[in-house]
Amino acid sequence: MNIFVAPITLRGTHATLAPLSQAYHDDLIEAVRDGELWKLWYTSIPSPEGMAAEIERRLDLQAQSKMLPFAVLDATGMAIGMTTYMNVDAANRRVEIGSTWYRASMQRGPLNTECKRMLLGHAFETLDCIAVEFRTHVLNTQSRRAIERLGAKLDGILRRHQVMANGTIRDTVVYSITAAEWPMVKAHLDWQLARPR
């Protein structure tokens, strides 16, 4: 199997990233109901009724070597969201970290910072990536701020890039972190996780 999509578990203090499976279905339904996340028009988060299909979609993309999907578990082991390596380009040693969501009550805390620290560390230190991308809707200001706080640099905007479920056309903002920038970004993320909150 392509190492870029080989299932792996990444463990931290606040979160564990576990290989996605239908075993997390019920937890993820409860998680998405916290904040009714599927109603956010500028992002694509599965509804409770669509959760099983979304898990299968991500696992199918993994089988095609296009994605490595994770369930995000909190410190108790409950699934509280999803994240992925997507748009996997093993030949050019690039991945995108995306399709990420967390239950509303877990947002704006150390969990996202730690998840990104684990994913970036694995990408640069194990997979030997030369760059990691992040993409989001131009109007998703919460996501843009979170990506910028990581230390990612703006690459540009793909205008009229994607048709959304509600029929609007998304402008996609593209950010990246390069391998050369990783030591600085890593030090910054470690500092963020260590400082008192």
N, C-alpha and C. Protein backbone atom coordinates (compact mmCIF):
# COMPACT_ATOMS: atom_id res chain seq x y z
N MET A 1 0.84 -1.20 0.00
CA MET A 1 0.00 0.00 0.00
C MET A 1 0.88 1.25 0.00
N ASN A 2 0.45 2.26 -0.72
CA ASN A 2 1.10 3.56 -0.74
C ASN A 2 1.24 4.07 0.70
N ILE A 3 2.46 4.39 1.14
CA ILE A 3 2.68 4.83 2.52
C ILE A 3 1.88 6.09 2.85
N PHE A 4 1.59 6.91 1.84
CA PHE A 4 0.85 8.15 2.08
C PHE A 4 -0.58 7.89 2.54
N VAL A 5 -1.14 6.72 2.22
CA VAL A 5 -2.52 6.42 2.61
C VAL A 5 -2.60 5.19 3.51
N ALA A 6 -1.46 4.72 4.01
CA ALA A 6 -1.46 3.57 4.93
C ALA A 6 -2.04 4.01 6.27
N PRO A 7 -3.02 3.27 6.81
CA PRO A 7 -3.62 3.65 8.09
C PRO A 7 -2.57 3.77 9.20
N ILE A 8 -2.70 4.82 10.00
CA ILE A 8 -1.79 5.07 11.10
C ILE A 8 -2.57 5.77 12.20
N THR A 9 -2.17 5.55 13.45
CA THR A 9 -2.76 6.26 14.58
C THR A 9 -1.72 7.24 15.11
N LEU A 10 -2.14 8.49 15.27
CA LEU A 10 -1.28 9.55 15.81
C LEU A 10 -1.87 9.97 17.15
N ARG A 11 -1.04 9.92 18.21
CA ARG A 11 -1.53 10.20 19.56
C ARG A 11 -0.92 11.46 20.14
N GLY A 12 -1.76 12.29 20.76
CA GLY A 12 -1.31 13.48 21.45
C GLY A 12 -1.90 13.54 22.84
N THR A 13 -1.79 14.69 23.48
CA THR A 13 -2.33 14.87 24.83
C THR A 13 -3.83 15.13 24.80
N HIS A 14 -4.26 15.97 23.85
CA HIS A 14 -5.67 16.39 23.78
C HIS A 14 -6.48 15.55 22.79
N ALA A 15 -5.80 14.89 21.87
CA ALA A 15 -6.51 14.19 20.79
C ALA A 15 -5.70 13.00 20.29
N THR A 16 -6.43 12.08 19.69
CA THR A 16 -5.84 10.97 18.95
C THR A 16 -6.47 10.98 17.57
N LEU A 17 -5.64 10.79 16.55
CA LEU A 17 -6.13 10.65 15.19
C LEU A 17 -6.07 9.16 14.86
N ALA A 18 -7.25 8.56 14.70
CA ALA A 18 -7.36 7.12 14.47
C ALA A 18 -7.88 6.88 13.06
N PRO A 19 -7.50 5.76 12.44
CA PRO A 19 -8.04 5.45 11.11
C PRO A 19 -9.57 5.48 11.13
N LEU A 20 -10.14 6.21 10.20
CA LEU A 20 -11.60 6.34 10.13
C LEU A 20 -12.23 4.99 9.82
N SER A 21 -13.34 4.71 10.48
CA SER A 21 -14.13 3.51 10.19
C SER A 21 -15.57 3.75 10.60
N GLN A 22 -16.45 2.85 10.15
CA GLN A 22 -17.87 2.96 10.52
C GLN A 22 -18.07 2.76 12.03
N ALA A 23 -17.07 2.24 12.73
CA ALA A 23 -17.19 2.06 14.18
C ALA A 23 -17.40 3.39 14.89
N TYR A 24 -16.99 4.50 14.26
CA TYR A 24 -17.14 5.83 14.88
C TYR A 24 -18.43 6.53 14.46
N HIS A 25 -19.25 5.87 13.67
CA HIS A 25 -20.47 6.46 13.10
C HIS A 25 -21.34 7.16 14.14
N ASP A 26 -21.71 6.47 15.21
CA ASP A 26 -22.65 7.04 16.19
C ASP A 26 -22.04 8.24 16.92
N ASP A 27 -20.77 8.14 17.30
CA ASP A 27 -20.10 9.28 17.93
C ASP A 27 -20.09 10.49 16.99
N LEU A 28 -19.82 10.25 15.71
CA LEU A 28 -19.73 11.35 14.75
C LEU A 28 -21.09 12.00 14.51
N ILE A 29 -22.16 11.21 14.56
CA ILE A 29 -23.50 11.79 14.45
C ILE A 29 -23.75 12.72 15.64
N GLU A 30 -23.41 12.27 16.83
CA GLU A 30 -23.57 13.12 18.02
C GLU A 30 -22.71 14.38 17.89
N ALA A 31 -21.50 14.22 17.36
CA ALA A 31 -20.58 15.35 17.23
C ALA A 31 -21.11 16.39 16.25
N VAL A 32 -21.62 15.95 15.11
CA VAL A 32 -22.08 16.90 14.10
C VAL A 32 -23.34 17.63 14.55
N ARG A 33 -24.10 17.00 15.45
CA ARG A 33 -25.30 17.66 15.98
C ARG A 33 -24.95 18.80 16.94
N ASP A 34 -23.76 18.75 17.53
CA ASP A 34 -23.29 19.82 18.41
C ASP A 34 -22.94 21.02 17.54
N GLY A 35 -23.87 21.93 17.40
CA GLY A 35 -23.67 23.11 16.57
C GLY A 35 -24.35 23.01 15.21
N GLU A 36 -25.03 21.87 14.94
CA GLU A 36 -25.69 21.66 13.64
C GLU A 36 -24.76 22.07 12.50
N LEU A 37 -23.58 21.45 12.51
CA LEU A 37 -22.49 21.87 11.62
C LEU A 37 -22.82 21.73 10.14
N TRP A 38 -23.67 20.79 9.78
CA TRP A 38 -23.99 20.57 8.36
C TRP A 38 -24.77 21.74 7.77
N LYS A 39 -25.26 22.65 8.61
CA LYS A 39 -26.02 23.80 8.11
C LYS A 39 -25.13 24.97 7.70
N LEU A 40 -23.82 24.88 7.94
CA LEU A 40 -22.90 25.94 7.51
C LEU A 40 -22.80 25.91 5.98
N TRP A 41 -23.30 26.93 5.32
CA TRP A 41 -23.42 26.90 3.85
C TRP A 41 -22.08 26.93 3.14
N TYR A 42 -21.04 27.46 3.77
CA TYR A 42 -19.75 27.67 3.10
C TYR A 42 -18.77 26.52 3.30
N THR A 43 -19.23 25.43 3.86
CA THR A 43 -18.38 24.25 4.03
C THR A 43 -19.19 23.00 3.75
N SER A 44 -18.53 21.86 3.69
CA SER A 44 -19.23 20.60 3.39
C SER A 44 -19.02 19.63 4.54
N ILE A 45 -19.95 19.65 5.47
CA ILE A 45 -19.91 18.77 6.64
C ILE A 45 -21.13 17.87 6.57
N PRO A 46 -20.97 16.57 6.78
CA PRO A 46 -22.10 15.65 6.60
C PRO A 46 -23.20 15.88 7.63
N SER A 47 -24.43 15.67 7.18
CA SER A 47 -25.58 15.69 8.09
C SER A 47 -25.60 14.37 8.86
N PRO A 48 -26.37 14.29 9.95
CA PRO A 48 -26.47 13.01 10.65
C PRO A 48 -26.91 11.87 9.72
N GLU A 49 -27.86 12.16 8.83
CA GLU A 49 -28.36 11.14 7.90
C GLU A 49 -27.32 10.75 6.85
N GLY A 50 -26.39 11.64 6.58
CA GLY A 50 -25.39 11.38 5.56
C GLY A 50 -24.06 10.88 6.09
N MET A 51 -23.97 10.65 7.40
CA MET A 51 -22.68 10.31 8.00
C MET A 51 -22.12 8.98 7.48
N ALA A 52 -22.93 7.95 7.41
CA ALA A 52 -22.44 6.64 6.94
C ALA A 52 -21.90 6.76 5.52
N ALA A 53 -22.62 7.48 4.66
CA ALA A 53 -22.19 7.66 3.27
C ALA A 53 -20.89 8.45 3.21
N GLU A 54 -20.73 9.46 4.08
CA GLU A 54 -19.50 10.25 4.06
C GLU A 54 -18.30 9.42 4.52
N ILE A 55 -18.51 8.58 5.54
CA ILE A 55 -17.43 7.69 5.97
C ILE A 55 -17.03 6.78 4.82
N GLU A 56 -18.01 6.20 4.13
CA GLU A 56 -17.73 5.31 3.00
C GLU A 56 -17.03 6.05 1.86
N ARG A 57 -17.46 7.29 1.59
CA ARG A 57 -16.83 8.08 0.53
C ARG A 57 -15.35 8.28 0.82
N ARG A 58 -15.04 8.61 2.07
CA ARG A 58 -13.64 8.84 2.43
C ARG A 58 -12.84 7.53 2.37
N LEU A 59 -13.43 6.44 2.80
CA LEU A 59 -12.73 5.15 2.74
C LEU A 59 -12.52 4.70 1.29
N ASP A 60 -13.48 5.00 0.41
CA ASP A 60 -13.33 4.68 -1.01
C ASP A 60 -12.17 5.48 -1.62
N LEU A 61 -12.05 6.75 -1.25
CA LEU A 61 -10.93 7.57 -1.74
C LEU A 61 -9.60 7.05 -1.20
N GLN A 62 -9.61 6.54 0.03
CA GLN A 62 -8.39 5.93 0.57
C GLN A 62 -8.01 4.70 -0.26
N ALA A 63 -8.99 3.89 -0.61
CA ALA A 63 -8.72 2.69 -1.42
C ALA A 63 -8.15 3.05 -2.79
N GLN A 64 -8.45 4.26 -3.27
CA GLN A 64 -7.92 4.75 -4.55
C GLN A 64 -6.59 5.51 -4.37
N SER A 65 -6.03 5.49 -3.15
CA SER A 65 -4.78 6.19 -2.82
C SER A 65 -4.87 7.71 -2.97
N LYS A 66 -6.08 8.26 -2.77
CA LYS A 66 -6.28 9.71 -2.90
C LYS A 66 -6.44 10.41 -1.56
N MET A 67 -6.67 9.65 -0.47
CA MET A 67 -6.99 10.26 0.81
C MET A 67 -6.59 9.33 1.95
N LEU A 68 -6.20 9.91 3.08
CA LEU A 68 -6.01 9.15 4.32
C LEU A 68 -6.91 9.80 5.36
N PRO A 69 -8.08 9.19 5.63
CA PRO A 69 -9.04 9.80 6.55
C PRO A 69 -8.84 9.35 8.00
N PHE A 70 -9.08 10.28 8.90
CA PHE A 70 -8.96 10.02 10.34
C PHE A 70 -10.26 10.39 11.05
N ALA A 71 -10.56 9.64 12.11
CA ALA A 71 -11.52 10.09 13.12
C ALA A 71 -10.71 10.82 14.17
N VAL A 72 -11.21 11.98 14.59
CA VAL A 72 -10.55 12.75 15.66
C VAL A 72 -11.20 12.35 16.97
N LEU A 73 -10.39 11.79 17.88
CA LEU A 73 -10.89 11.34 19.17
C LEU A 73 -10.44 12.32 20.25
N ASP A 74 -11.31 12.58 21.22
CA ASP A 74 -10.91 13.42 22.34
C ASP A 74 -10.15 12.57 23.36
N ALA A 75 -9.79 13.17 24.50
CA ALA A 75 -8.98 12.48 25.50
C ALA A 75 -9.69 11.26 26.09
N THR A 76 -11.02 11.20 25.97
CA THR A 76 -11.77 10.05 26.49
C THR A 76 -11.90 8.94 25.46
N GLY A 77 -11.49 9.19 24.21
CA GLY A 77 -11.61 8.20 23.16
C GLY A 77 -12.88 8.33 22.33
N MET A 78 -13.68 9.37 22.59
CA MET A 78 -14.91 9.59 21.82
C MET A 78 -14.56 10.33 20.53
N ALA A 79 -15.14 9.91 19.41
CA ALA A 79 -14.93 10.60 18.14
C ALA A 79 -15.69 11.92 18.16
N ILE A 80 -14.96 13.02 17.89
CA ILE A 80 -15.57 14.36 17.95
C ILE A 80 -15.40 15.10 16.63
N GLY A 81 -14.93 14.40 15.59
CA GLY A 81 -14.77 15.05 14.30
C GLY A 81 -13.98 14.19 13.33
N MET A 82 -13.64 14.78 12.20
CA MET A 82 -12.87 14.10 11.15
C MET A 82 -11.82 15.04 10.60
N THR A 83 -10.76 14.47 10.06
CA THR A 83 -9.77 15.21 9.30
C THR A 83 -9.13 14.26 8.31
N THR A 84 -8.41 14.79 7.32
CA THR A 84 -7.80 13.92 6.31
C THR A 84 -6.53 14.52 5.74
N TYR A 85 -5.71 13.62 5.21
CA TYR A 85 -4.77 13.99 4.15
C TYR A 85 -5.56 13.76 2.88
N MET A 86 -5.69 14.76 2.05
CA MET A 86 -6.45 14.61 0.81
C MET A 86 -5.62 15.12 -0.36
N ASN A 87 -6.13 14.90 -1.56
CA ASN A 87 -5.37 15.27 -2.77
C ASN A 87 -3.93 14.77 -2.65
N VAL A 88 -3.80 13.52 -2.22
CA VAL A 88 -2.48 12.92 -2.01
C VAL A 88 -1.74 12.83 -3.35
N ASP A 89 -0.54 13.38 -3.36
CA ASP A 89 0.32 13.34 -4.55
C ASP A 89 1.67 12.78 -4.11
N ALA A 90 1.73 11.44 -4.01
CA ALA A 90 2.93 10.79 -3.49
C ALA A 90 4.13 11.04 -4.39
N ALA A 91 3.93 11.09 -5.70
CA ALA A 91 5.04 11.29 -6.63
C ALA A 91 5.74 12.62 -6.40
N ASN A 92 4.95 13.64 -6.05
CA ASN A 92 5.51 14.96 -5.79
C ASN A 92 5.61 15.29 -4.31
N ARG A 93 5.36 14.28 -3.46
CA ARG A 93 5.50 14.38 -2.01
C ARG A 93 4.74 15.58 -1.44
N ARG A 94 3.45 15.63 -1.80
CA ARG A 94 2.56 16.70 -1.33
C ARG A 94 1.25 16.09 -0.84
N VAL A 95 0.68 16.70 0.18
CA VAL A 95 -0.67 16.36 0.62
C VAL A 95 -1.36 17.67 0.99
N GLU A 96 -2.67 17.59 1.03
CA GLU A 96 -3.48 18.69 1.58
C GLU A 96 -4.09 18.17 2.88
N ILE A 97 -4.08 18.99 3.91
CA ILE A 97 -4.80 18.67 5.14
C ILE A 97 -6.14 19.39 5.02
N GLY A 98 -7.23 18.62 5.06
CA GLY A 98 -8.53 19.25 4.89
C GLY A 98 -9.68 18.33 5.23
N SER A 99 -10.88 18.75 4.79
CA SER A 99 -12.13 18.08 5.15
C SER A 99 -12.18 17.84 6.65
N THR A 100 -11.79 18.89 7.38
CA THR A 100 -11.69 18.82 8.84
C THR A 100 -12.89 19.49 9.47
N TRP A 101 -13.46 18.85 10.46
CA TRP A 101 -14.49 19.48 11.29
C TRP A 101 -14.45 18.86 12.68
N TYR A 102 -14.83 19.66 13.67
CA TYR A 102 -14.92 19.22 15.07
C TYR A 102 -16.25 19.69 15.63
N ARG A 103 -16.78 18.93 16.58
CA ARG A 103 -18.01 19.36 17.25
C ARG A 103 -17.80 20.76 17.81
N ALA A 104 -18.85 21.56 17.84
CA ALA A 104 -18.75 22.98 18.20
C ALA A 104 -18.11 23.18 19.57
N SER A 105 -18.43 22.33 20.53
CA SER A 105 -17.92 22.52 21.89
C SER A 105 -16.42 22.25 22.00
N MET A 106 -15.81 21.66 20.96
CA MET A 106 -14.37 21.38 20.99
C MET A 106 -13.58 22.37 20.14
N GLN A 107 -14.24 23.31 19.52
CA GLN A 107 -13.56 24.30 18.69
C GLN A 107 -12.94 25.39 19.56
N ARG A 108 -11.94 26.07 19.00
CA ARG A 108 -11.25 27.20 19.65
C ARG A 108 -10.52 26.79 20.92
N GLY A 109 -9.98 25.60 20.93
CA GLY A 109 -9.17 25.13 22.04
C GLY A 109 -7.88 24.53 21.50
N PRO A 110 -7.15 23.81 22.35
CA PRO A 110 -5.86 23.25 21.91
C PRO A 110 -5.99 22.05 20.97
N LEU A 111 -7.17 21.46 20.85
CA LEU A 111 -7.34 20.24 20.08
C LEU A 111 -6.94 20.42 18.61
N ASN A 112 -7.44 21.48 17.95
CA ASN A 112 -7.11 21.68 16.54
C ASN A 112 -5.61 21.91 16.35
N THR A 113 -5.01 22.71 17.23
CA THR A 113 -3.57 22.97 17.13
C THR A 113 -2.79 21.66 17.23
N GLU A 114 -3.19 20.81 18.19
CA GLU A 114 -2.48 19.55 18.36
C GLU A 114 -2.70 18.62 17.16
N CYS A 115 -3.92 18.57 16.64
CA CYS A 115 -4.17 17.73 15.47
C CYS A 115 -3.32 18.17 14.29
N LYS A 116 -3.27 19.47 14.04
CA LYS A 116 -2.46 19.97 12.93
C LYS A 116 -0.98 19.70 13.19
N ARG A 117 -0.53 19.82 14.44
CA ARG A 117 0.87 19.54 14.78
C ARG A 117 1.21 18.08 14.46
N MET A 118 0.31 17.16 14.82
CA MET A 118 0.55 15.74 14.55
C MET A 118 0.54 15.45 13.04
N LEU A 119 -0.43 16.01 12.32
CA LEU A 119 -0.53 15.77 10.89
C LEU A 119 0.67 16.36 10.14
N LEU A 120 1.07 17.56 10.50
CA LEU A 120 2.22 18.19 9.85
C LEU A 120 3.50 17.44 10.19
N GLY A 121 3.66 17.03 11.45
CA GLY A 121 4.85 16.28 11.83
C GLY A 121 4.97 14.98 11.05
N HIS A 122 3.87 14.25 10.91
CA HIS A 122 3.88 13.00 10.16
C HIS A 122 4.19 13.27 8.68
N ALA A 123 3.57 14.33 8.13
CA ALA A 123 3.78 14.64 6.71
C ALA A 123 5.24 14.98 6.42
N PHE A 124 5.83 15.84 7.24
CA PHE A 124 7.19 16.29 6.96
C PHE A 124 8.26 15.32 7.45
N GLU A 125 8.02 14.69 8.60
CA GLU A 125 9.08 13.88 9.23
C GLU A 125 9.02 12.40 8.86
N THR A 126 7.86 11.90 8.50
CA THR A 126 7.73 10.48 8.12
C THR A 126 7.54 10.33 6.61
N LEU A 127 6.62 11.12 6.05
CA LEU A 127 6.33 11.00 4.62
C LEU A 127 7.30 11.81 3.76
N ASP A 128 8.12 12.64 4.39
CA ASP A 128 9.12 13.45 3.69
C ASP A 128 8.47 14.37 2.65
N CYS A 129 7.34 14.97 3.02
CA CYS A 129 6.66 15.89 2.11
C CYS A 129 7.52 17.13 1.86
N ILE A 130 7.38 17.69 0.66
CA ILE A 130 8.06 18.94 0.36
C ILE A 130 7.14 20.13 0.62
N ALA A 131 5.82 19.88 0.69
CA ALA A 131 4.86 20.94 1.01
C ALA A 131 3.55 20.30 1.45
N VAL A 132 2.85 21.01 2.32
CA VAL A 132 1.51 20.61 2.77
C VAL A 132 0.58 21.79 2.50
N GLU A 133 -0.54 21.51 1.85
CA GLU A 133 -1.52 22.54 1.49
C GLU A 133 -2.69 22.56 2.45
N PHE A 134 -3.34 23.70 2.50
CA PHE A 134 -4.63 23.89 3.18
C PHE A 134 -5.49 24.71 2.23
N ARG A 135 -6.76 24.33 2.09
CA ARG A 135 -7.68 25.07 1.24
C ARG A 135 -8.97 25.31 2.00
N THR A 136 -9.58 26.47 1.75
CA THR A 136 -10.86 26.76 2.39
C THR A 136 -11.63 27.77 1.55
N HIS A 137 -12.90 27.93 1.85
CA HIS A 137 -13.77 28.91 1.19
C HIS A 137 -13.27 30.30 1.53
N VAL A 138 -13.27 31.18 0.57
CA VAL A 138 -12.79 32.55 0.79
C VAL A 138 -13.56 33.25 1.91
N LEU A 139 -14.81 32.87 2.14
CA LEU A 139 -15.62 33.50 3.18
C LEU A 139 -15.60 32.75 4.51
N ASN A 140 -14.86 31.65 4.59
CA ASN A 140 -14.75 30.90 5.86
C ASN A 140 -13.63 31.55 6.69
N THR A 141 -13.97 32.68 7.30
CA THR A 141 -12.95 33.46 8.01
C THR A 141 -12.41 32.72 9.23
N GLN A 142 -13.23 31.92 9.89
CA GLN A 142 -12.74 31.15 11.05
C GLN A 142 -11.66 30.17 10.61
N SER A 143 -11.89 29.47 9.51
CA SER A 143 -10.90 28.52 9.00
C SER A 143 -9.65 29.24 8.51
N ARG A 144 -9.83 30.37 7.82
CA ARG A 144 -8.67 31.11 7.33
C ARG A 144 -7.79 31.59 8.48
N ARG A 145 -8.41 32.11 9.52
CA ARG A 145 -7.62 32.56 10.69
C ARG A 145 -6.88 31.39 11.33
N ALA A 146 -7.54 30.24 11.44
CA ALA A 146 -6.90 29.07 12.05
C ALA A 146 -5.71 28.61 11.21
N ILE A 147 -5.86 28.61 9.89
CA ILE A 147 -4.76 28.20 9.00
C ILE A 147 -3.60 29.18 9.12
N GLU A 148 -3.90 30.47 9.16
CA GLU A 148 -2.86 31.49 9.28
C GLU A 148 -2.14 31.40 10.62
N ARG A 149 -2.88 31.06 11.68
CA ARG A 149 -2.25 30.91 13.01
C ARG A 149 -1.25 29.75 13.02
N LEU A 150 -1.44 28.77 12.16
CA LEU A 150 -0.49 27.67 12.07
C LEU A 150 0.86 28.13 11.53
N GLY A 151 0.85 29.21 10.77
CA GLY A 151 2.07 29.67 10.11
C GLY A 151 2.08 29.40 8.63
N ALA A 152 0.95 28.96 8.08
CA ALA A 152 0.86 28.71 6.64
C ALA A 152 0.86 30.03 5.89
N LYS A 153 1.43 30.01 4.70
CA LYS A 153 1.50 31.20 3.85
C LYS A 153 0.44 31.12 2.75
N LEU A 154 -0.11 32.28 2.42
CA LEU A 154 -1.11 32.35 1.36
C LEU A 154 -0.45 32.14 0.00
N ASP A 155 -0.92 31.14 -0.75
CA ASP A 155 -0.44 30.90 -2.10
C ASP A 155 -1.26 31.67 -3.12
N GLY A 156 -2.56 31.80 -2.85
CA GLY A 156 -3.43 32.52 -3.77
C GLY A 156 -4.87 32.08 -3.66
N ILE A 157 -5.69 32.60 -4.56
CA ILE A 157 -7.12 32.30 -4.56
C ILE A 157 -7.49 31.70 -5.91
N LEU A 158 -8.10 30.52 -5.87
CA LEU A 158 -8.64 29.89 -7.08
C LEU A 158 -10.06 30.42 -7.25
N ARG A 159 -10.22 31.33 -8.19
CA ARG A 159 -11.51 32.00 -8.34
C ARG A 159 -12.49 31.12 -9.09
N ARG A 160 -13.76 31.15 -8.62
CA ARG A 160 -14.84 30.36 -9.22
C ARG A 160 -14.40 28.90 -9.38
N HIS A 161 -13.97 28.33 -8.26
CA HIS A 161 -13.28 27.05 -8.26
C HIS A 161 -14.19 25.84 -8.08
N GLN A 162 -15.28 26.00 -7.31
CA GLN A 162 -16.06 24.81 -6.94
C GLN A 162 -17.53 25.19 -6.75
N VAL A 163 -18.42 24.34 -7.27
CA VAL A 163 -19.86 24.55 -7.07
C VAL A 163 -20.25 23.94 -5.73
N MET A 164 -20.85 24.74 -4.87
CA MET A 164 -21.26 24.29 -3.55
C MET A 164 -22.64 23.62 -3.61
N ALA A 165 -22.99 22.92 -2.54
CA ALA A 165 -24.27 22.19 -2.49
C ALA A 165 -25.46 23.12 -2.68
N ASN A 166 -25.34 24.39 -2.25
CA ASN A 166 -26.46 25.33 -2.38
C ASN A 166 -26.47 26.05 -3.72
N GLY A 167 -25.55 25.67 -4.63
CA GLY A 167 -25.51 26.25 -5.97
C GLY A 167 -24.59 27.44 -6.12
N THR A 168 -24.08 27.99 -5.01
CA THR A 168 -23.13 29.10 -5.13
C THR A 168 -21.79 28.56 -5.60
N ILE A 169 -20.97 29.44 -6.14
CA ILE A 169 -19.66 29.03 -6.64
C ILE A 169 -18.60 29.56 -5.68
N ARG A 170 -17.78 28.65 -5.22
CA ARG A 170 -16.77 28.95 -4.20
C ARG A 170 -15.48 29.47 -4.83
N ASP A 171 -14.96 30.54 -4.25
CA ASP A 171 -13.57 30.93 -4.45
C ASP A 171 -12.78 30.22 -3.36
N THR A 172 -11.74 29.49 -3.74
CA THR A 172 -10.96 28.69 -2.80
C THR A 172 -9.64 29.38 -2.49
N VAL A 173 -9.40 29.59 -1.19
CA VAL A 173 -8.15 30.18 -0.75
C VAL A 173 -7.17 29.04 -0.49
N VAL A 174 -5.96 29.13 -1.06
CA VAL A 174 -4.94 28.09 -0.94
C VAL A 174 -3.77 28.61 -0.12
N TYR A 175 -3.41 27.85 0.90
CA TYR A 175 -2.26 28.14 1.75
C TYR A 175 -1.32 26.94 1.70
N SER A 176 -0.06 27.14 2.09
CA SER A 176 0.84 26.00 2.23
C SER A 176 1.91 26.28 3.26
N ILE A 177 2.52 25.19 3.72
CA ILE A 177 3.73 25.19 4.53
C ILE A 177 4.72 24.32 3.79
N THR A 178 5.93 24.80 3.59
CA THR A 178 6.95 24.02 2.89
C THR A 178 7.86 23.32 3.90
N ALA A 179 8.58 22.34 3.41
CA ALA A 179 9.51 21.60 4.28
C ALA A 179 10.53 22.54 4.92
N ALA A 180 10.99 23.54 4.16
CA ALA A 180 11.97 24.49 4.70
C ALA A 180 11.38 25.31 5.84
N GLU A 181 10.07 25.54 5.82
CA GLU A 181 9.41 26.33 6.86
C GLU A 181 9.02 25.49 8.07
N TRP A 182 9.02 24.16 7.94
CA TRP A 182 8.52 23.29 8.99
C TRP A 182 9.22 23.49 10.34
N PRO A 183 10.54 23.61 10.43
CA PRO A 183 11.15 23.79 11.76
C PRO A 183 10.61 25.01 12.50
N MET A 184 10.41 26.13 11.80
CA MET A 184 9.86 27.33 12.43
C MET A 184 8.41 27.10 12.84
N VAL A 185 7.63 26.53 11.94
CA VAL A 185 6.22 26.28 12.23
C VAL A 185 6.09 25.30 13.40
N LYS A 186 6.91 24.26 13.41
CA LYS A 186 6.90 23.27 14.49
C LYS A 186 7.19 23.93 15.83
N ALA A 187 8.21 24.78 15.89
CA ALA A 187 8.54 25.48 17.13
C ALA A 187 7.38 26.35 17.60
N HIS A 188 6.73 27.00 16.65
CA HIS A 188 5.59 27.86 16.98
C HIS A 188 4.41 27.04 17.52
N LEU A 189 4.10 25.91 16.86
CA LEU A 189 2.99 25.07 17.33
C LEU A 189 3.30 24.47 18.70
N ASP A 190 4.54 24.03 18.90
CA ASP A 190 4.92 23.49 20.22
C ASP A 190 4.78 24.55 21.30
N TRP A 191 5.16 25.80 20.98
CA TRP A 191 5.00 26.90 21.94
C TRP A 191 3.53 27.14 22.25
N GLN A 192 2.69 27.15 21.19
CA GLN A 192 1.26 27.36 21.40
C GLN A 192 0.66 26.28 22.30
N LEU A 193 1.09 25.04 22.11
CA LEU A 193 0.54 23.95 22.91
C LEU A 193 1.05 23.98 24.35
N ALA A 194 2.27 24.49 24.56
CA ALA A 194 2.87 24.50 25.90
C ALA A 194 2.44 25.68 26.74
N ARG A 195 2.07 26.79 26.11
CA ARG A 195 1.78 28.01 26.90
C ARG A 195 0.48 27.85 27.66
N PRO A 196 0.39 28.51 28.80
CA PRO A 196 -0.85 28.45 29.59
C PRO A 196 -2.01 29.07 28.81
N ARG A 197 -3.19 28.49 28.96
CA ARG A 197 -4.38 29.02 28.27
C ARG A 197 -5.29 29.68 29.27
